[in-house]
């Protein structure tokens, strides 16, 4: 299932990804730091929701209380819960 998440308080505007059986693939960010977000997308491809949360949850960007990586961890949890 493809899921789209509208980000909050970060440079990227949204995150799209596929979720199937708790596994995340094909992560795409709209906007943000292109090179860094492409790298994050490749690194987490095939990870479970829990693996992404354990690695990325709580990361901040500058003075912001969140980051694109943190927003991804929130997005995958939200998608997983919506599938239940």
N, C-alpha and C. Protein backbone atom coordinates (compact mmCIF):
# COMPACT_ATOMS: atom_id res chain seq x y z
N UNK A 1 0.84 -1.17 0.00
CA UNK A 1 0.00 0.00 0.00
C UNK A 1 0.89 1.24 0.00
N UNK A 2 0.57 2.21 -0.85
CA UNK A 2 1.32 3.47 -0.82
C UNK A 2 0.70 4.39 0.22
N UNK A 3 1.57 5.06 0.95
CA UNK A 3 1.12 5.96 2.00
C UNK A 3 1.77 7.32 1.77
N UNK A 4 1.02 8.38 1.97
CA UNK A 4 1.53 9.75 1.86
C UNK A 4 1.35 10.44 3.19
N UNK A 5 2.42 11.07 3.66
CA UNK A 5 2.41 11.78 4.94
C UNK A 5 2.80 13.23 4.70
N UNK A 6 1.99 14.15 5.17
CA UNK A 6 2.31 15.58 5.09
C UNK A 6 3.16 15.94 6.31
N UNK A 7 4.38 16.39 6.06
CA UNK A 7 5.32 16.68 7.14
C UNK A 7 4.96 17.97 7.87
N UNK A 8 5.54 18.13 9.06
CA UNK A 8 5.31 19.32 9.89
C UNK A 8 6.65 19.87 10.37
N UNK A 9 6.84 21.16 10.24
CA UNK A 9 7.99 21.89 10.78
C UNK A 9 9.33 21.50 10.18
N UNK A 10 9.34 20.98 8.92
CA UNK A 10 10.59 20.65 8.25
C UNK A 10 10.55 21.18 6.82
N UNK A 11 11.68 21.11 6.14
CA UNK A 11 11.77 21.64 4.77
C UNK A 11 11.02 20.78 3.76
N UNK A 12 11.06 19.47 3.94
CA UNK A 12 10.31 18.63 3.00
C UNK A 12 8.82 18.82 3.25
N UNK A 13 8.04 18.69 2.20
CA UNK A 13 6.59 18.93 2.30
C UNK A 13 5.80 17.66 2.55
N UNK A 14 6.29 16.53 1.99
CA UNK A 14 5.60 15.27 2.21
C UNK A 14 6.55 14.11 1.99
N UNK A 15 6.13 12.96 2.51
CA UNK A 15 6.89 11.72 2.36
C UNK A 15 5.92 10.67 1.81
N UNK A 16 6.36 9.96 0.77
CA UNK A 16 5.58 8.85 0.23
C UNK A 16 6.42 7.59 0.36
N UNK A 17 5.74 6.48 0.63
CA UNK A 17 6.44 5.20 0.73
C UNK A 17 5.45 4.07 0.60
N UNK A 18 5.98 2.88 0.41
CA UNK A 18 5.18 1.66 0.36
C UNK A 18 5.33 0.96 1.70
N UNK A 19 4.22 0.38 2.18
CA UNK A 19 4.25 -0.41 3.40
C UNK A 19 3.49 -1.71 3.15
N UNK A 20 4.17 -2.81 3.45
CA UNK A 20 3.54 -4.12 3.30
C UNK A 20 4.11 -5.03 4.39
N UNK A 21 3.22 -5.62 5.17
CA UNK A 21 3.64 -6.53 6.25
C UNK A 21 4.69 -5.89 7.16
N UNK A 22 4.49 -4.62 7.52
CA UNK A 22 5.38 -3.90 8.44
C UNK A 22 6.74 -3.55 7.83
N UNK A 23 6.91 -3.74 6.53
CA UNK A 23 8.18 -3.43 5.86
C UNK A 23 7.98 -2.21 4.96
N UNK A 24 8.93 -1.28 5.05
CA UNK A 24 8.87 -0.02 4.32
C UNK A 24 9.82 -0.07 3.13
N UNK A 25 9.31 0.33 1.96
CA UNK A 25 10.13 0.41 0.75
C UNK A 25 9.75 1.66 -0.04
N UNK A 26 10.60 2.00 -1.01
CA UNK A 26 10.32 3.06 -1.97
C UNK A 26 10.00 4.40 -1.30
N UNK A 27 10.83 4.81 -0.36
CA UNK A 27 10.64 6.09 0.35
C UNK A 27 11.04 7.25 -0.56
N UNK A 28 10.15 8.25 -0.66
CA UNK A 28 10.41 9.45 -1.46
C UNK A 28 9.99 10.68 -0.68
N UNK A 29 10.88 11.66 -0.62
CA UNK A 29 10.59 12.93 0.03
C UNK A 29 10.33 13.98 -1.04
N UNK A 30 9.37 14.85 -0.81
CA UNK A 30 9.12 15.99 -1.69
C UNK A 30 9.70 17.22 -1.00
N UNK A 31 10.74 17.79 -1.59
CA UNK A 31 11.41 18.94 -1.00
C UNK A 31 12.47 18.50 0.00
N UNK A 32 13.07 19.46 0.66
CA UNK A 32 14.09 19.16 1.65
C UNK A 32 15.48 19.06 1.05
N UNK A 33 16.42 18.55 1.82
CA UNK A 33 17.82 18.40 1.41
C UNK A 33 17.95 17.16 0.53
N UNK A 34 17.93 17.36 -0.76
CA UNK A 34 17.83 16.28 -1.74
C UNK A 34 18.82 15.14 -1.51
N UNK A 35 20.09 15.44 -1.41
CA UNK A 35 21.11 14.39 -1.26
C UNK A 35 20.94 13.61 0.03
N UNK A 36 20.74 14.31 1.13
CA UNK A 36 20.59 13.63 2.42
C UNK A 36 19.34 12.76 2.44
N UNK A 37 18.25 13.26 1.89
CA UNK A 37 17.01 12.50 1.93
C UNK A 37 17.04 11.31 0.98
N UNK A 38 17.75 11.41 -0.13
CA UNK A 38 17.94 10.26 -1.01
C UNK A 38 18.72 9.18 -0.25
N UNK A 39 19.73 9.60 0.50
CA UNK A 39 20.55 8.64 1.26
C UNK A 39 19.71 7.95 2.33
N UNK A 40 18.92 8.71 3.08
CA UNK A 40 18.06 8.12 4.10
C UNK A 40 17.11 7.12 3.46
N UNK A 41 16.53 7.48 2.33
CA UNK A 41 15.60 6.59 1.63
C UNK A 41 16.26 5.26 1.27
N UNK A 42 17.48 5.31 0.77
CA UNK A 42 18.21 4.08 0.43
C UNK A 42 18.56 3.27 1.68
N UNK A 43 18.97 3.95 2.72
CA UNK A 43 19.40 3.25 3.94
C UNK A 43 18.27 2.51 4.63
N UNK A 44 17.06 3.06 4.60
CA UNK A 44 15.94 2.43 5.32
C UNK A 44 15.12 1.48 4.44
N UNK A 45 15.43 1.38 3.17
CA UNK A 45 14.66 0.52 2.27
C UNK A 45 14.70 -0.93 2.78
N UNK A 46 13.53 -1.49 3.01
CA UNK A 46 13.43 -2.86 3.51
C UNK A 46 13.40 -2.97 5.02
N UNK A 47 13.49 -1.85 5.73
CA UNK A 47 13.43 -1.85 7.20
C UNK A 47 11.98 -2.00 7.66
N UNK A 48 11.83 -2.50 8.87
CA UNK A 48 10.51 -2.54 9.49
C UNK A 48 10.22 -1.18 10.14
N UNK A 49 8.97 -0.99 10.50
CA UNK A 49 8.57 0.24 11.20
C UNK A 49 9.41 0.40 12.46
N UNK A 50 9.57 -0.67 13.22
CA UNK A 50 10.32 -0.60 14.48
C UNK A 50 11.79 -0.26 14.26
N UNK A 51 12.39 -0.80 13.21
CA UNK A 51 13.79 -0.48 12.92
C UNK A 51 13.96 0.99 12.55
N UNK A 52 13.04 1.51 11.76
CA UNK A 52 13.11 2.93 11.39
C UNK A 52 12.92 3.81 12.62
N UNK A 53 11.95 3.46 13.45
CA UNK A 53 11.72 4.24 14.67
C UNK A 53 12.95 4.22 15.57
N UNK A 54 13.57 3.08 15.74
CA UNK A 54 14.71 2.98 16.66
C UNK A 54 15.91 3.78 16.17
N UNK A 55 16.07 3.91 14.87
CA UNK A 55 17.21 4.65 14.31
C UNK A 55 16.94 6.15 14.18
N UNK A 56 15.71 6.54 13.83
CA UNK A 56 15.46 7.92 13.42
C UNK A 56 14.60 8.75 14.37
N UNK A 57 13.82 8.10 15.21
CA UNK A 57 12.90 8.84 16.10
C UNK A 57 13.69 9.76 17.03
N UNK A 58 13.27 11.01 17.09
CA UNK A 58 13.90 11.97 17.99
C UNK A 58 15.03 12.79 17.39
N UNK A 59 15.44 12.48 16.14
CA UNK A 59 16.46 13.30 15.49
C UNK A 59 15.91 14.70 15.27
N UNK A 60 16.73 15.69 15.50
CA UNK A 60 16.31 17.07 15.29
C UNK A 60 17.16 17.71 14.20
N UNK A 61 16.69 18.85 13.71
CA UNK A 61 17.40 19.59 12.66
C UNK A 61 17.58 21.02 13.16
N UNK A 62 18.82 21.39 13.44
CA UNK A 62 19.08 22.73 13.96
C UNK A 62 18.30 22.98 15.24
N UNK A 63 17.58 24.08 15.29
CA UNK A 63 16.81 24.43 16.48
C UNK A 63 15.39 23.84 16.45
N UNK A 64 15.05 23.16 15.38
CA UNK A 64 13.71 22.57 15.26
C UNK A 64 13.58 21.35 16.18
N UNK A 65 12.39 21.10 16.67
CA UNK A 65 12.19 19.95 17.57
C UNK A 65 12.04 18.63 16.80
N UNK A 66 12.17 18.67 15.47
CA UNK A 66 12.01 17.49 14.63
C UNK A 66 12.96 17.60 13.45
N UNK A 67 12.94 16.62 12.58
CA UNK A 67 13.74 16.62 11.35
C UNK A 67 13.00 15.79 10.32
N UNK A 68 13.48 15.77 9.10
CA UNK A 68 12.86 14.94 8.08
C UNK A 68 12.95 13.46 8.46
N UNK A 69 14.07 13.07 9.06
CA UNK A 69 14.23 11.69 9.50
C UNK A 69 13.23 11.35 10.61
N UNK A 70 13.07 12.25 11.56
CA UNK A 70 12.10 12.07 12.64
C UNK A 70 10.69 12.01 12.06
N UNK A 71 10.39 12.85 11.10
CA UNK A 71 9.08 12.85 10.46
C UNK A 71 8.82 11.52 9.75
N UNK A 72 9.86 10.93 9.17
CA UNK A 72 9.71 9.62 8.53
C UNK A 72 9.33 8.57 9.58
N UNK A 73 9.97 8.62 10.74
CA UNK A 73 9.65 7.64 11.79
C UNK A 73 8.19 7.79 12.26
N UNK A 74 7.72 9.01 12.31
CA UNK A 74 6.32 9.27 12.69
C UNK A 74 5.39 8.78 11.58
N UNK A 75 5.77 9.03 10.34
CA UNK A 75 4.94 8.65 9.19
C UNK A 75 4.77 7.14 9.09
N UNK A 76 5.86 6.39 9.27
CA UNK A 76 5.76 4.92 9.13
C UNK A 76 4.91 4.32 10.24
N UNK A 77 5.00 4.88 11.43
CA UNK A 77 4.15 4.39 12.54
C UNK A 77 2.68 4.70 12.24
N UNK A 78 2.42 5.90 11.76
CA UNK A 78 1.05 6.28 11.44
C UNK A 78 0.47 5.36 10.35
N UNK A 79 1.26 5.06 9.34
CA UNK A 79 0.81 4.17 8.27
C UNK A 79 0.55 2.77 8.79
N UNK A 80 1.43 2.29 9.63
CA UNK A 80 1.28 0.95 10.21
C UNK A 80 0.00 0.86 11.04
N UNK A 81 -0.25 1.87 11.86
CA UNK A 81 -1.45 1.89 12.70
C UNK A 81 -2.72 1.99 11.84
N UNK A 82 -2.65 2.74 10.75
CA UNK A 82 -3.80 2.90 9.85
C UNK A 82 -4.15 1.58 9.15
N UNK A 83 -3.15 0.73 8.96
CA UNK A 83 -3.38 -0.55 8.29
C UNK A 83 -4.07 -1.58 9.19
N UNK A 84 -3.99 -1.38 10.48
CA UNK A 84 -4.57 -2.36 11.42
C UNK A 84 -6.07 -2.46 11.30
